[in-house]
Each structure stands twice: as structure tokens, then as C-alpha cells.
Amino acid sequence: MKAKVPAQMPAAVFQGQGKLAVEKRPVPKINSDQDVLLAVDASSFCGTDLQILKVPPGHPATPGAVLGHEYTGVIVDAGDAVQDFKVGDRVVVDPNLTCSKCRYCQRG
């Protein structure tokens, strides 16, 4: 059962050297029967994000990049093939753990 999902979400967007802004961005859609969609409760900046924001930057980034890739949330939608999780489950995302099989992992 799918939860109500807004059309837009806030995102911390890198604007260029030393600049960050919170912008509204479209909420992603379920594109595959193996996808899940989260309502993010909390997101944090890691050392890499802070290096991106330093002046001069200590790590490269393209303006428009969304920062804060470590987060927690609740699953609000899931593809039909998702078996280990369900809508309403609370999850923590570790972006360094990969399945190495899906199109996102294959793409890098």
C-alpha cells in the first residue's frame, strides 16, 4: 500500500564555491519493480560535503549537486518485486553498501 507522497521535496543544493541553498526538487518516482521510495526524516553532511563547501574547495562538485547522502527515513512506496522491506518500514541508508547488481550500482 502506497503512502501519500508530495510532488516536491526540499534538497540541500550546492550552488558553487562556498554556497549552499535549500531548493524544492521533484520527488523521484518508482521506475523499477525493485525500487523503494523513502520519506527522508533526517540527512547529514559528511566530511566530503564539508570539503565541497570549503573555500577553496577540498573536493570537486558540480553546481546543482544535491548534498547529504547519509540519511534515514520511512518507506512510502515500493516496487512489486521488493520482498525484504514494506511501506512503513524505517530504514537507514549507507551509500557505501551496494548490491553490485542493479542499474545504479552497475553505472557507478
N, C-alpha and C. Protein backbone atom coordinates (compact mmCIF):
# COMPACT_ATOMS: atom_id res chain seq x y z
N MET A 1 0.84 -1.18 0.00
CA MET A 1 0.00 0.00 0.00
C MET A 1 0.88 1.24 0.00
N LYS A 2 0.65 2.09 -0.91
CA LYS A 2 1.43 3.31 -1.09
C LYS A 2 0.95 4.40 -0.15
N ALA A 3 1.90 5.11 0.49
CA ALA A 3 1.56 6.25 1.33
C ALA A 3 1.41 7.49 0.45
N LYS A 4 0.78 8.53 1.00
CA LYS A 4 0.65 9.79 0.26
C LYS A 4 2.02 10.42 0.11
N VAL A 5 2.38 10.78 -1.11
CA VAL A 5 3.71 11.33 -1.41
C VAL A 5 3.54 12.70 -2.05
N PRO A 6 4.22 13.73 -1.51
CA PRO A 6 4.13 15.07 -2.12
C PRO A 6 4.83 15.10 -3.47
N ALA A 7 4.56 16.13 -4.25
CA ALA A 7 5.18 16.27 -5.57
C ALA A 7 6.61 16.79 -5.47
N GLN A 8 6.91 17.55 -4.40
CA GLN A 8 8.25 18.13 -4.26
C GLN A 8 8.81 17.86 -2.86
N MET A 9 10.14 17.98 -2.77
CA MET A 9 10.83 17.78 -1.50
C MET A 9 11.95 18.82 -1.38
N PRO A 10 12.36 19.16 -0.16
CA PRO A 10 13.49 20.06 -0.01
C PRO A 10 14.80 19.33 -0.26
N ALA A 11 15.77 20.03 -0.82
CA ALA A 11 17.09 19.46 -1.08
C ALA A 11 18.16 20.51 -0.81
N ALA A 12 19.28 20.07 -0.22
CA ALA A 12 20.43 20.95 0.01
C ALA A 12 21.27 20.92 -1.26
N VAL A 13 21.27 22.02 -2.00
CA VAL A 13 21.86 22.06 -3.34
C VAL A 13 23.12 22.94 -3.35
N PHE A 14 24.21 22.37 -3.83
CA PHE A 14 25.47 23.09 -3.99
C PHE A 14 25.29 24.12 -5.10
N GLN A 15 25.59 25.39 -4.78
CA GLN A 15 25.38 26.49 -5.72
C GLN A 15 26.66 26.98 -6.37
N GLY A 16 27.79 26.48 -5.93
CA GLY A 16 29.08 26.97 -6.40
C GLY A 16 29.95 27.21 -5.18
N GLN A 17 31.15 27.62 -5.39
CA GLN A 17 32.16 27.73 -4.34
C GLN A 17 31.62 28.39 -3.06
N GLY A 18 31.53 27.57 -2.00
CA GLY A 18 31.12 28.05 -0.69
C GLY A 18 29.64 28.36 -0.54
N LYS A 19 28.83 28.03 -1.53
CA LYS A 19 27.40 28.40 -1.49
C LYS A 19 26.50 27.16 -1.49
N LEU A 20 25.50 27.21 -0.63
CA LEU A 20 24.53 26.13 -0.49
C LEU A 20 23.15 26.76 -0.35
N ALA A 21 22.13 26.16 -0.96
CA ALA A 21 20.76 26.66 -0.83
C ALA A 21 19.82 25.47 -0.69
N VAL A 22 18.74 25.69 0.03
CA VAL A 22 17.69 24.68 0.10
C VAL A 22 16.69 25.02 -0.99
N GLU A 23 16.48 24.04 -1.89
CA GLU A 23 15.57 24.21 -3.02
C GLU A 23 14.52 23.12 -3.01
N LYS A 24 13.41 23.38 -3.67
CA LYS A 24 12.41 22.34 -3.89
C LYS A 24 12.82 21.56 -5.13
N ARG A 25 12.76 20.24 -5.04
CA ARG A 25 13.06 19.35 -6.15
C ARG A 25 11.93 18.35 -6.30
N PRO A 26 11.69 17.84 -7.51
CA PRO A 26 10.65 16.82 -7.69
C PRO A 26 10.98 15.55 -6.91
N VAL A 27 9.98 14.94 -6.32
CA VAL A 27 10.16 13.66 -5.65
C VAL A 27 10.35 12.59 -6.71
N PRO A 28 11.37 11.73 -6.55
CA PRO A 28 11.58 10.65 -7.54
C PRO A 28 10.37 9.71 -7.61
N LYS A 29 10.28 8.99 -8.69
CA LYS A 29 9.20 8.01 -8.90
C LYS A 29 9.78 6.61 -8.83
N ILE A 30 8.92 5.65 -8.58
CA ILE A 30 9.30 4.24 -8.68
C ILE A 30 9.42 3.93 -10.17
N ASN A 31 10.62 3.56 -10.61
CA ASN A 31 10.86 3.26 -12.03
C ASN A 31 11.06 1.78 -12.30
N SER A 32 11.27 1.01 -11.26
CA SER A 32 11.56 -0.41 -11.41
C SER A 32 10.80 -1.17 -10.33
N ASP A 33 10.51 -2.43 -10.60
CA ASP A 33 9.81 -3.24 -9.59
C ASP A 33 10.70 -3.53 -8.39
N GLN A 34 11.99 -3.13 -8.44
CA GLN A 34 12.91 -3.33 -7.32
C GLN A 34 13.21 -2.03 -6.56
N ASP A 35 12.59 -0.93 -6.95
CA ASP A 35 12.82 0.38 -6.32
C ASP A 35 12.01 0.52 -5.03
N VAL A 36 12.54 1.33 -4.11
CA VAL A 36 11.77 1.81 -2.97
C VAL A 36 11.88 3.33 -2.93
N LEU A 37 10.88 3.98 -2.38
CA LEU A 37 10.87 5.42 -2.24
C LEU A 37 10.77 5.73 -0.75
N LEU A 38 11.65 6.62 -0.29
CA LEU A 38 11.68 6.98 1.12
C LEU A 38 11.19 8.40 1.34
N ALA A 39 10.53 8.62 2.47
CA ALA A 39 10.30 9.96 3.00
C ALA A 39 11.46 10.17 3.98
N VAL A 40 12.37 11.05 3.65
CA VAL A 40 13.57 11.26 4.46
C VAL A 40 13.21 12.03 5.72
N ASP A 41 13.58 11.47 6.87
CA ASP A 41 13.37 12.13 8.16
C ASP A 41 14.54 13.01 8.54
N ALA A 42 15.76 12.53 8.24
CA ALA A 42 16.97 13.27 8.61
C ALA A 42 18.07 12.95 7.62
N SER A 43 18.86 13.95 7.33
CA SER A 43 20.00 13.80 6.43
C SER A 43 21.17 14.53 7.06
N SER A 44 22.39 14.07 6.76
CA SER A 44 23.55 14.75 7.35
C SER A 44 24.60 15.01 6.29
N PHE A 45 25.45 15.96 6.61
CA PHE A 45 26.61 16.24 5.77
C PHE A 45 27.77 15.44 6.32
N CYS A 46 28.52 14.82 5.43
CA CYS A 46 29.72 14.10 5.82
C CYS A 46 30.93 15.00 5.53
N GLY A 47 32.11 14.46 5.80
CA GLY A 47 33.34 15.21 5.56
C GLY A 47 33.50 15.64 4.11
N THR A 48 33.06 14.80 3.17
CA THR A 48 33.16 15.15 1.75
C THR A 48 32.29 16.37 1.44
N ASP A 49 31.06 16.39 1.97
CA ASP A 49 30.19 17.54 1.75
C ASP A 49 30.83 18.82 2.28
N LEU A 50 31.44 18.73 3.46
CA LEU A 50 32.09 19.91 4.04
C LEU A 50 33.28 20.35 3.19
N GLN A 51 34.02 19.39 2.63
CA GLN A 51 35.14 19.72 1.75
C GLN A 51 34.66 20.41 0.47
N ILE A 52 33.50 20.00 -0.02
CA ILE A 52 32.91 20.63 -1.21
C ILE A 52 32.60 22.10 -0.93
N LEU A 53 32.14 22.39 0.28
CA LEU A 53 31.71 23.74 0.63
C LEU A 53 32.85 24.66 1.07
N LYS A 54 34.04 24.08 1.31
CA LYS A 54 35.18 24.91 1.70
C LYS A 54 35.56 25.89 0.59
N VAL A 55 36.17 27.00 0.98
CA VAL A 55 36.70 27.96 0.02
C VAL A 55 38.19 28.09 0.31
N PRO A 56 39.08 27.65 -0.60
CA PRO A 56 38.77 26.93 -1.84
C PRO A 56 38.32 25.51 -1.54
N PRO A 57 37.59 24.90 -2.48
CA PRO A 57 37.06 23.55 -2.24
C PRO A 57 38.16 22.51 -2.09
N GLY A 58 37.90 21.56 -1.19
CA GLY A 58 38.81 20.44 -0.99
C GLY A 58 38.38 19.21 -1.75
N HIS A 59 37.22 19.28 -2.39
CA HIS A 59 36.69 18.16 -3.18
C HIS A 59 35.85 18.76 -4.31
N PRO A 60 35.95 18.24 -5.52
CA PRO A 60 35.19 18.82 -6.63
C PRO A 60 33.71 18.46 -6.58
N ALA A 61 32.88 19.37 -7.06
CA ALA A 61 31.44 19.12 -7.22
C ALA A 61 30.90 20.07 -8.27
N THR A 62 29.87 19.65 -8.93
CA THR A 62 29.23 20.46 -9.96
C THR A 62 28.07 21.24 -9.33
N PRO A 63 27.97 22.54 -9.59
CA PRO A 63 26.81 23.27 -9.09
C PRO A 63 25.52 22.56 -9.51
N GLY A 64 24.59 22.51 -8.58
CA GLY A 64 23.33 21.79 -8.80
C GLY A 64 23.31 20.43 -8.12
N ALA A 65 24.49 19.94 -7.67
CA ALA A 65 24.56 18.65 -6.99
C ALA A 65 23.84 18.74 -5.64
N VAL A 66 23.09 17.70 -5.31
CA VAL A 66 22.41 17.63 -4.02
C VAL A 66 23.36 16.97 -3.02
N LEU A 67 23.58 17.65 -1.90
CA LEU A 67 24.47 17.13 -0.86
C LEU A 67 23.65 16.46 0.23
N GLY A 68 24.32 15.67 1.08
CA GLY A 68 23.65 14.98 2.18
C GLY A 68 23.22 13.58 1.81
N HIS A 69 24.18 12.72 1.50
CA HIS A 69 23.85 11.37 1.01
C HIS A 69 23.76 10.32 2.13
N GLU A 70 23.81 10.76 3.37
CA GLU A 70 23.63 9.84 4.51
C GLU A 70 22.33 10.23 5.19
N TYR A 71 21.36 9.30 5.20
CA TYR A 71 20.03 9.69 5.65
C TYR A 71 19.24 8.52 6.22
N THR A 72 18.14 8.87 6.87
CA THR A 72 17.21 7.90 7.43
C THR A 72 15.80 8.31 7.04
N GLY A 73 14.91 7.35 6.98
CA GLY A 73 13.55 7.69 6.60
C GLY A 73 12.61 6.50 6.70
N VAL A 74 11.44 6.69 6.11
CA VAL A 74 10.38 5.69 6.12
C VAL A 74 10.03 5.35 4.67
N ILE A 75 9.88 4.08 4.37
CA ILE A 75 9.49 3.67 3.02
C ILE A 75 8.03 4.06 2.79
N VAL A 76 7.79 4.81 1.70
CA VAL A 76 6.43 5.26 1.38
C VAL A 76 5.89 4.60 0.11
N ASP A 77 6.75 3.93 -0.64
CA ASP A 77 6.30 3.21 -1.83
C ASP A 77 7.37 2.18 -2.16
N ALA A 78 6.96 1.08 -2.77
CA ALA A 78 7.90 0.02 -3.12
C ALA A 78 7.42 -0.69 -4.38
N GLY A 79 8.40 -1.09 -5.21
CA GLY A 79 8.09 -1.85 -6.41
C GLY A 79 7.57 -3.24 -6.06
N ASP A 80 6.90 -3.86 -7.00
CA ASP A 80 6.27 -5.17 -6.78
C ASP A 80 7.24 -6.28 -6.43
N ALA A 81 8.51 -6.19 -6.85
CA ALA A 81 9.47 -7.26 -6.59
C ALA A 81 10.21 -7.09 -5.25
N VAL A 82 9.98 -5.99 -4.54
CA VAL A 82 10.65 -5.76 -3.26
C VAL A 82 10.07 -6.73 -2.23
N GLN A 83 10.94 -7.55 -1.63
CA GLN A 83 10.48 -8.58 -0.70
C GLN A 83 10.91 -8.35 0.74
N ASP A 84 12.06 -7.74 0.95
CA ASP A 84 12.61 -7.63 2.30
C ASP A 84 12.16 -6.39 3.05
N PHE A 85 11.48 -5.48 2.39
CA PHE A 85 11.01 -4.24 3.00
C PHE A 85 9.57 -3.99 2.58
N LYS A 86 8.88 -3.18 3.40
CA LYS A 86 7.49 -2.84 3.07
C LYS A 86 7.22 -1.38 3.42
N VAL A 87 6.17 -0.83 2.85
CA VAL A 87 5.76 0.54 3.16
C VAL A 87 5.57 0.65 4.67
N GLY A 88 6.14 1.70 5.25
CA GLY A 88 6.06 1.93 6.69
C GLY A 88 7.33 1.53 7.44
N ASP A 89 8.20 0.73 6.80
CA ASP A 89 9.46 0.35 7.45
C ASP A 89 10.37 1.56 7.59
N ARG A 90 11.01 1.69 8.76
CA ARG A 90 12.01 2.73 8.97
C ARG A 90 13.36 2.16 8.55
N VAL A 91 14.13 2.94 7.82
CA VAL A 91 15.42 2.46 7.30
C VAL A 91 16.50 3.53 7.46
N VAL A 92 17.74 3.07 7.48
CA VAL A 92 18.92 3.93 7.44
C VAL A 92 19.68 3.55 6.18
N VAL A 93 20.10 4.54 5.42
CA VAL A 93 20.79 4.29 4.16
C VAL A 93 22.29 4.46 4.36
N ASP A 94 23.05 3.44 3.99
CA ASP A 94 24.51 3.54 3.94
C ASP A 94 24.89 3.55 2.46
N PRO A 95 25.26 4.72 1.93
CA PRO A 95 25.53 4.81 0.50
C PRO A 95 26.77 4.04 0.05
N ASN A 96 27.53 3.51 1.01
CA ASN A 96 28.73 2.75 0.65
C ASN A 96 28.47 1.26 0.52
N LEU A 97 27.28 0.80 0.90
CA LEU A 97 26.90 -0.60 0.72
C LEU A 97 26.12 -0.72 -0.57
N THR A 98 26.54 -1.59 -1.45
CA THR A 98 25.88 -1.72 -2.74
C THR A 98 25.53 -3.18 -3.02
N CYS A 99 24.56 -3.37 -3.89
CA CYS A 99 24.20 -4.72 -4.30
C CYS A 99 25.08 -5.19 -5.45
N SER A 100 25.67 -4.24 -6.18
CA SER A 100 26.51 -4.51 -7.35
C SER A 100 25.75 -5.12 -8.52
N LYS A 101 24.42 -5.15 -8.45
CA LYS A 101 23.61 -5.79 -9.49
C LYS A 101 22.66 -4.84 -10.20
N CYS A 102 22.10 -3.88 -9.46
CA CYS A 102 21.09 -3.01 -10.07
C CYS A 102 21.74 -2.02 -11.04
N ARG A 103 20.90 -1.36 -11.82
CA ARG A 103 21.43 -0.44 -12.84
C ARG A 103 22.22 0.71 -12.22
N TYR A 104 21.85 1.13 -11.00
CA TYR A 104 22.57 2.23 -10.35
C TYR A 104 23.97 1.78 -9.93
N CYS A 105 24.07 0.59 -9.35
CA CYS A 105 25.39 0.07 -8.96
C CYS A 105 26.26 -0.22 -10.18
N GLN A 106 25.64 -0.74 -11.23
CA GLN A 106 26.39 -1.03 -12.44
C GLN A 106 26.92 0.24 -13.10
N ARG A 107 26.14 1.31 -12.97
CA ARG A 107 26.50 2.58 -13.56
C ARG A 107 27.61 3.28 -12.75
N GLY A 108 27.68 2.96 -11.44
CA GLY A 108 28.72 3.57 -10.59
C GLY A 108 28.23 4.72 -9.91
